[in-house]
Amino acid sequence: MTDPQNLSPLTFSHRIAQEADTDAIRQLMQASIAENMKAFLSASEIEAAKETMGVDKTLIEDGTYFLIETVHDGQTVLVGCGGWGKRKTLYGGDHTVGRDDSLSDPSNDAARIRAMYTHPDWVRRGIGSFLLDIGEGAAAEAGFKIIELGSTVPGEPLYRARGYVEIERKVEKAANGSENTVIKMVKTLV
């Protein structure tokens, strides 16, 4: 296990995810979901959340999904991933029901912050904020004026701190009978 508390200073870099990165992304997502949500959700609620979480290959194909890496013990380590979407789907992986993968119009529609995950060994190091900076900047550069996201309960504090405002809270029953909460939040891009 990596002990990032003993690293100083931390240097993170980012790159656009490629199809070949899919397995590494999936592994990071699974670790993040399993560990980072424990302080906020019960085990059955974490299982319920998995219905709306996971790899979305359209983000990779669109070139809007980023990997955050650092060098530790001479090796490049994947510590986070996330991106932005120019499609109407607000959240979810390839398996999520009800997706709308049509392209958004920057003059009328919002861009989306999508699928943000931090490896449990690297939480509280600014990775989420780094991903938001990259995604928001890329969306603004593409002409979007507004950005939205579908937050989990554990993600909500970060997004609020970064200026996102809740506009809707949707609670649905998952296949296992537990509740799955998705919080739709929005922010104006400058």
C-alpha atoms as a PDB file:
ATOM      1  CA  MET A   1       0.000   0.000   0.000  1.00  0.00           C
ATOM      2  CA  THR A   2       1.248   3.452  -0.912  1.00  0.00           C
ATOM      3  CA  ASP A   3       1.685   5.929   1.918  1.00  0.00           C
ATOM      4  CA  PRO A   4       1.157   9.285   0.192  1.00  0.00           C
ATOM      5  CA  GLN A   5       1.264  11.045   3.573  1.00  0.00           C
ATOM      6  CA  ASN A   6       5.043  10.632   3.496  1.00  0.00           C
ATOM      7  CA  LEU A   7       5.497  12.060   0.008  1.00  0.00           C
ATOM      8  CA  SER A   8       6.540  15.654  -0.389  1.00  0.00           C
ATOM      9  CA  PRO A   9       6.041  17.464  -2.629  1.00  0.00           C
ATOM     10  CA  LEU A  10       3.441  15.694  -4.722  1.00  0.00           C
ATOM     11  CA  THR A  11       3.498  16.255  -8.439  1.00  0.00           C
ATOM     12  CA  PHE A  12       0.472  15.164 -10.431  1.00  0.00           C
ATOM     13  CA  SER A  13       0.216  15.087 -14.195  1.00  0.00           C
ATOM     14  CA  HIS A  14      -2.724  14.371 -16.443  1.00  0.00           C
ATOM     15  CA  ARG A  15      -3.266  12.830 -19.822  1.00  0.00           C
ATOM     16  CA  ILE A  16      -6.225  11.893 -21.991  1.00  0.00           C
ATOM     17  CA  ALA A  17      -7.393   8.320 -21.397  1.00  0.00           C
ATOM     18  CA  GLN A  18      -7.050   5.796 -24.202  1.00  0.00           C
ATOM     19  CA  GLU A  19      -9.023   2.610 -24.824  1.00  0.00           C
ATOM     20  CA  ALA A  20      -6.011   0.605 -23.587  1.00  0.00           C
ATOM     21  CA  ASP A  21      -6.472   2.286 -20.163  1.00  0.00           C
ATOM     22  CA  THR A  22      -9.966   0.836 -19.640  1.00  0.00           C
ATOM     23  CA  ASP A  23      -8.950  -2.013 -17.317  1.00  0.00           C
ATOM     24  CA  ALA A  24      -6.813   0.276 -15.135  1.00  0.00           C
ATOM     25  CA  ILE A  25      -9.696   2.789 -14.984  1.00  0.00           C
ATOM     26  CA  ARG A  26     -12.141   0.035 -14.014  1.00  0.00           C
ATOM     27  CA  GLN A  27      -9.813  -1.171 -11.232  1.00  0.00           C
ATOM     28  CA  LEU A  28      -9.379   2.355  -9.857  1.00  0.00           C
ATOM     29  CA  MET A  29     -13.160   2.929  -9.957  1.00  0.00           C
ATOM     30  CA  GLN A  30     -13.851  -0.317  -8.101  1.00  0.00           C
ATOM     31  CA  ALA A  31     -11.301   0.521  -5.389  1.00  0.00           C
ATOM     32  CA  SER A  32     -12.669   4.042  -5.060  1.00  0.00           C
ATOM     33  CA  ILE A  33     -16.295   2.904  -4.830  1.00  0.00           C
ATOM     34  CA  ALA A  34     -15.486   0.139  -2.328  1.00  0.00           C
ATOM     35  CA  GLU A  35     -13.424   2.315   0.039  1.00  0.00           C
ATOM     36  CA  ASN A  36     -14.204   6.003  -0.432  1.00  0.00           C
ATOM     37  CA  MET A  37     -17.957   5.658   0.012  1.00  0.00           C
ATOM     38  CA  LYS A  38     -17.838   3.749   3.318  1.00  0.00           C
ATOM     39  CA  ALA A  39     -17.932   6.895   5.445  1.00  0.00           C
ATOM     40  CA  PHE A  40     -21.151   8.017   3.740  1.00  0.00           C
ATOM     41  CA  LEU A  41     -23.114   4.921   2.674  1.00  0.00           C
ATOM     42  CA  SER A  42     -23.976   1.478   3.988  1.00  0.00           C
ATOM     43  CA  ALA A  43     -22.691  -1.603   2.155  1.00  0.00           C
ATOM     44  CA  SER A  44     -26.089  -2.116   0.486  1.00  0.00           C
ATOM     45  CA  GLU A  45     -26.222   1.561  -0.571  1.00  0.00           C
ATOM     46  CA  ILE A  46     -22.740   1.221  -2.102  1.00  0.00           C
ATOM     47  CA  GLU A  47     -23.987  -1.782  -4.090  1.00  0.00           C
ATOM     48  CA  ALA A  48     -27.010   0.277  -5.183  1.00  0.00           C
ATOM     49  CA  ALA A  49     -24.742   3.109  -6.335  1.00  0.00           C
ATOM     50  CA  LYS A  50     -22.892   0.716  -8.639  1.00  0.00           C
ATOM     51  CA  GLU A  51     -25.988   0.663 -10.876  1.00  0.00           C
ATOM     52  CA  THR A  52     -25.176   4.229 -11.932  1.00  0.00           C
ATOM     53  CA  MET A  53     -21.385   4.166 -11.758  1.00  0.00           C
ATOM     54  CA  GLY A  54     -18.672   2.745 -13.967  1.00  0.00           C
ATOM     55  CA  VAL A  55     -16.642   3.136 -17.143  1.00  0.00           C
ATOM     56  CA  ASP A  56     -18.287   5.172 -19.912  1.00  0.00           C
ATOM     57  CA  LYS A  57     -16.403   4.400 -23.107  1.00  0.00           C
ATOM     58  CA  THR A  58     -17.956   7.358 -24.964  1.00  0.00           C
ATOM     59  CA  LEU A  59     -15.934   9.696 -22.725  1.00  0.00           C
ATOM     60  CA  ILE A  60     -12.757   7.883 -23.743  1.00  0.00           C
ATOM     61  CA  GLU A  61     -13.764   7.877 -27.423  1.00  0.00           C
ATOM     62  CA  ASP A  62     -14.561  11.610 -27.250  1.00  0.00           C
ATOM     63  CA  GLY A  63     -11.156  12.392 -25.717  1.00  0.00           C
ATOM     64  CA  THR A  64     -12.779  14.066 -22.703  1.00  0.00           C
ATOM     65  CA  TYR A  65     -11.673  11.626 -20.001  1.00  0.00           C
ATOM     66  CA  PHE A  66      -8.480  12.220 -18.053  1.00  0.00           C
ATOM     67  CA  LEU A  67      -6.103  10.141 -15.986  1.00  0.00           C
ATOM     68  CA  ILE A  68      -4.243  11.707 -13.083  1.00  0.00           C
ATOM     69  CA  GLU A  69      -0.849  10.149 -12.427  1.00  0.00           C
ATOM     70  CA  THR A  70       2.158  10.613 -10.203  1.00  0.00           C
ATOM     71  CA  VAL A  71       5.548   8.944  -9.954  1.00  0.00           C
ATOM     72  CA  HIS A  72       6.102   6.896  -6.809  1.00  0.00           C
ATOM     73  CA  ASP A  73       9.115   4.655  -6.205  1.00  0.00           C
ATOM     74  CA  GLY A  74      10.179   5.254  -9.802  1.00  0.00           C
ATOM     75  CA  GLN A  75       6.895   4.030 -11.280  1.00  0.00           C
ATOM     76  CA  THR A  76       3.971   5.931 -12.747  1.00  0.00           C
ATOM     77  CA  VAL A  77       0.896   5.387 -10.583  1.00  0.00           C
ATOM     78  CA  LEU A  78      -2.735   6.063 -11.573  1.00  0.00           C
ATOM     79  CA  VAL A  79      -4.244   8.025  -8.673  1.00  0.00           C
ATOM     80  CA  GLY A  80      -7.431   9.469 -10.166  1.00  0.00           C
ATOM     81  CA  CYS A  81      -9.646   9.691 -13.207  1.00  0.00           C
ATOM     82  CA  GLY A  82     -12.537  11.799 -14.399  1.00  0.00           C
ATOM     83  CA  GLY A  83     -13.581  14.102 -17.143  1.00  0.00           C
ATOM     84  CA  TRP A  84     -16.243  16.091 -18.834  1.00  0.00           C
ATOM     85  CA  GLY A  85     -18.933  15.132 -21.283  1.00  0.00           C
ATOM     86  CA  LYS A  86     -20.247  16.889 -24.341  1.00  0.00           C
ATOM     87  CA  ARG A  87     -23.157  14.464 -24.515  1.00  0.00           C
ATOM     88  CA  LYS A  88     -26.503  14.727 -22.755  1.00  0.00           C
ATOM     89  CA  THR A  89     -25.919  11.764 -20.423  1.00  0.00           C
ATOM     90  CA  LEU A  90     -25.566  13.226 -16.921  1.00  0.00           C
ATOM     91  CA  TYR A  91     -23.968  10.220 -15.229  1.00  0.00           C
ATOM     92  CA  GLY A  92     -23.395   6.496 -15.443  1.00  0.00           C
ATOM     93  CA  GLY A  93     -21.327   3.814 -17.064  1.00  0.00           C
ATOM     94  CA  ASP A  94     -21.849   1.879 -20.257  1.00  0.00           C
ATOM     95  CA  HIS A  95     -24.367  -0.348 -18.436  1.00  0.00           C
ATOM     96  CA  THR A  96     -26.531   2.467 -16.989  1.00  0.00           C
ATOM     97  CA  VAL A  97     -30.155   2.450 -18.126  1.00  0.00           C
ATOM     98  CA  GLY A  98     -31.655   5.607 -19.698  1.00  0.00           C
ATOM     99  CA  ARG A  99     -28.519   7.087 -21.284  1.00  0.00           C
ATOM    100  CA  ASP A 100     -28.807   9.851 -23.880  1.00  0.00           C
ATOM    101  CA  ASP A 101     -25.560   9.881 -25.826  1.00  0.00           C
ATOM    102  CA  SER A 102     -26.628  12.577 -28.267  1.00  0.00           C
ATOM    103  CA  LEU A 103     -24.277  15.555 -28.451  1.00  0.00           C
ATOM    104  CA  SER A 104     -25.037  18.692 -26.461  1.00  0.00           C
ATOM    105  CA  ASP A 105     -25.160  22.099 -28.132  1.00  0.00           C
ATOM    106  CA  PRO A 106     -22.744  24.456 -26.302  1.00  0.00           C
ATOM    107  CA  SER A 107     -24.986  27.450 -27.039  1.00  0.00           C
ATOM    108  CA  ASN A 108     -28.055  25.867 -25.378  1.00  0.00           C
ATOM    109  CA  ASP A 109     -26.985  22.879 -23.294  1.00  0.00           C
ATOM    110  CA  ALA A 110     -24.716  22.260 -20.336  1.00  0.00           C
ATOM    111  CA  ALA A 111     -21.521  20.263 -20.456  1.00  0.00           C
ATOM    112  CA  ARG A 112     -21.185  17.522 -17.851  1.00  0.00           C
ATOM    113  CA  ILE A 113     -18.554  16.660 -15.267  1.00  0.00           C
ATOM    114  CA  ARG A 114     -18.396  12.870 -15.389  1.00  0.00           C
ATOM    115  CA  ALA A 115     -17.109   9.783 -13.618  1.00  0.00           C
ATOM    116  CA  MET A 116     -14.666  11.260 -11.100  1.00  0.00           C
ATOM    117  CA  TYR A 117     -12.779   8.782  -8.913  1.00  0.00           C
ATOM    118  CA  THR A 118      -9.742   8.977  -6.645  1.00  0.00           C
ATOM    119  CA  HIS A 119      -7.759   5.933  -5.545  1.00  0.00           C
ATOM    120  CA  PRO A 120      -8.326   5.398  -1.793  1.00  0.00           C
ATOM    121  CA  ASP A 121      -4.587   5.667  -1.080  1.00  0.00           C
ATOM    122  CA  TRP A 122      -4.556   9.179  -2.565  1.00  0.00           C
ATOM    123  CA  VAL A 123      -7.647  10.945  -1.176  1.00  0.00           C
ATOM    124  CA  ARG A 124      -7.457  14.481   0.217  1.00  0.00           C
ATOM    125  CA  ARG A 125      -4.570  15.449  -2.054  1.00  0.00           C
ATOM    126  CA  GLY A 126      -6.401  17.805  -4.429  1.00  0.00           C
ATOM    127  CA  ILE A 127      -6.996  15.237  -7.170  1.00  0.00           C
ATOM    128  CA  GLY A 128     -10.741  15.966  -7.375  1.00  0.00           C
ATOM    129  CA  SER A 129     -10.118  19.706  -7.642  1.00  0.00           C
ATOM    130  CA  PHE A 130      -7.418  19.094 -10.265  1.00  0.00           C
ATOM    131  CA  LEU A 131      -9.887  17.037 -12.320  1.00  0.00           C
ATOM    132  CA  LEU A 132     -12.550  19.741 -11.990  1.00  0.00           C
ATOM    133  CA  ASP A 133     -10.102  22.418 -13.148  1.00  0.00           C
ATOM    134  CA  ILE A 134      -9.154  20.364 -16.212  1.00  0.00           C
ATOM    135  CA  GLY A 135     -12.742  19.397 -17.097  1.00  0.00           C
ATOM    136  CA  GLU A 136     -14.242  22.838 -16.538  1.00  0.00           C
ATOM    137  CA  GLY A 137     -11.445  24.462 -18.538  1.00  0.00           C
ATOM    138  CA  ALA A 138     -11.874  22.057 -21.462  1.00  0.00           C
ATOM    139  CA  ALA A 139     -15.661  22.501 -21.460  1.00  0.00           C
ATOM    140  CA  ALA A 140     -15.323  26.304 -21.442  1.00  0.00           C
ATOM    141  CA  GLU A 141     -12.777  26.090 -24.268  1.00  0.00           C
ATOM    142  CA  ALA A 142     -15.331  24.035 -26.240  1.00  0.00           C
ATOM    143  CA  GLY A 143     -17.824  26.899 -25.858  1.00  0.00           C
ATOM    144  CA  PHE A 144     -19.986  25.671 -22.985  1.00  0.00           C
ATOM    145  CA  LYS A 145     -21.239  28.318 -20.547  1.00  0.00           C
ATOM    146  CA  ILE A 146     -22.792  25.997 -17.970  1.00  0.00           C
ATOM    147  CA  ILE A 147     -21.657  22.682 -16.531  1.00  0.00           C
ATOM    148  CA  GLU A 148     -23.711  20.107 -14.644  1.00  0.00           C
ATOM    149  CA  LEU A 149     -23.011  16.874 -12.831  1.00  0.00           C
ATOM    150  CA  GLY A 150     -24.767  14.018 -11.107  1.00  0.00           C
ATOM    151  CA  SER A 151     -23.140  13.702  -7.687  1.00  0.00           C
ATOM    152  CA  THR A 152     -23.197  10.847  -5.229  1.00  0.00           C
ATOM    153  CA  VAL A 153     -23.674  11.721  -1.563  1.00  0.00           C
ATOM    154  CA  PRO A 154     -19.896  11.289  -0.926  1.00  0.00           C
ATOM    155  CA  GLY A 155     -19.030  13.662  -3.797  1.00  0.00           C
ATOM    156  CA  GLU A 156     -21.407  16.427  -2.777  1.00  0.00           C
ATOM    157  CA  PRO A 157     -19.084  18.250  -0.301  1.00  0.00           C
ATOM    158  CA  LEU A 158     -16.343  18.685  -2.928  1.00  0.00           C
ATOM    159  CA  TYR A 159     -18.736  19.981  -5.554  1.00  0.00           C
ATOM    160  CA  ARG A 160     -20.388  22.422  -3.135  1.00  0.00           C
ATOM    161  CA  ALA A 161     -16.955  23.714  -2.116  1.00  0.00           C
ATOM    162  CA  ARG A 162     -16.156  24.223  -5.803  1.00  0.00           C
ATOM    163  CA  GLY A 163     -19.257  26.373  -6.440  1.00  0.00           C
ATOM    164  CA  TYR A 164     -21.762  23.808  -7.704  1.00  0.00           C
ATOM    165  CA  VAL A 165     -25.370  24.330  -6.614  1.00  0.00           C
ATOM    166  CA  GLU A 166     -27.920  21.571  -6.137  1.00  0.00           C
ATOM    167  CA  ILE A 167     -30.906  21.805  -8.471  1.00  0.00           C
ATOM    168  CA  GLU A 168     -32.427  18.363  -7.954  1.00  0.00           C
ATOM    169  CA  ARG A 169     -32.044  15.344  -5.684  1.00  0.00           C
ATOM    170  CA  LYS A 170     -33.304  12.060  -7.074  1.00  0.00           C
ATOM    171  CA  VAL A 171     -33.625   8.966  -4.898  1.00  0.00           C
ATOM    172  CA  GLU A 172     -34.432   5.676  -6.597  1.00  0.00           C
ATOM    173  CA  LYS A 173     -34.686   2.111  -5.401  1.00  0.00           C
ATOM    174  CA  ALA A 174     -31.916  -0.085  -6.752  1.00  0.00           C
ATOM    175  CA  ALA A 175     -32.277  -3.736  -7.702  1.00  0.00           C
ATOM    176  CA  ASN A 176     -31.142  -4.746  -4.192  1.00  0.00           C
ATOM    177  CA  GLY A 177     -33.902  -2.606  -2.617  1.00  0.00           C
ATOM    178  CA  SER A 178     -31.554   0.057  -1.257  1.00  0.00           C
ATOM    179  CA  GLU A 179     -31.793   3.723  -2.096  1.00  0.00           C
ATOM    180  CA  ASN A 180     -29.465   5.287  -4.646  1.00  0.00           C
ATOM    181  CA  THR A 181     -29.219   9.078  -4.450  1.00  0.00           C
ATOM    182  CA  VAL A 182     -28.049  11.209  -7.386  1.00  0.00           C
ATOM    183  CA  ILE A 183     -27.742  14.958  -6.790  1.00  0.00           C
ATOM    184  CA  LYS A 184     -27.933  17.096  -9.926  1.00  0.00           C
ATOM    185  CA  MET A 185     -25.714  20.156  -9.493  1.00  0.00           C
ATOM    186  CA  VAL A 186     -24.855  23.069 -11.768  1.00  0.00           C
ATOM    187  CA  LYS A 187     -22.216  25.770 -12.110  1.00  0.00           C
ATOM    188  CA  THR A 188     -21.730  28.687 -14.476  1.00  0.00           C
ATOM    189  CA  LEU A 189     -18.426  28.607 -16.326  1.00  0.00           C
ATOM    190  CA  VAL A 190     -16.500  31.875 -16.565  1.00  0.00           C
END
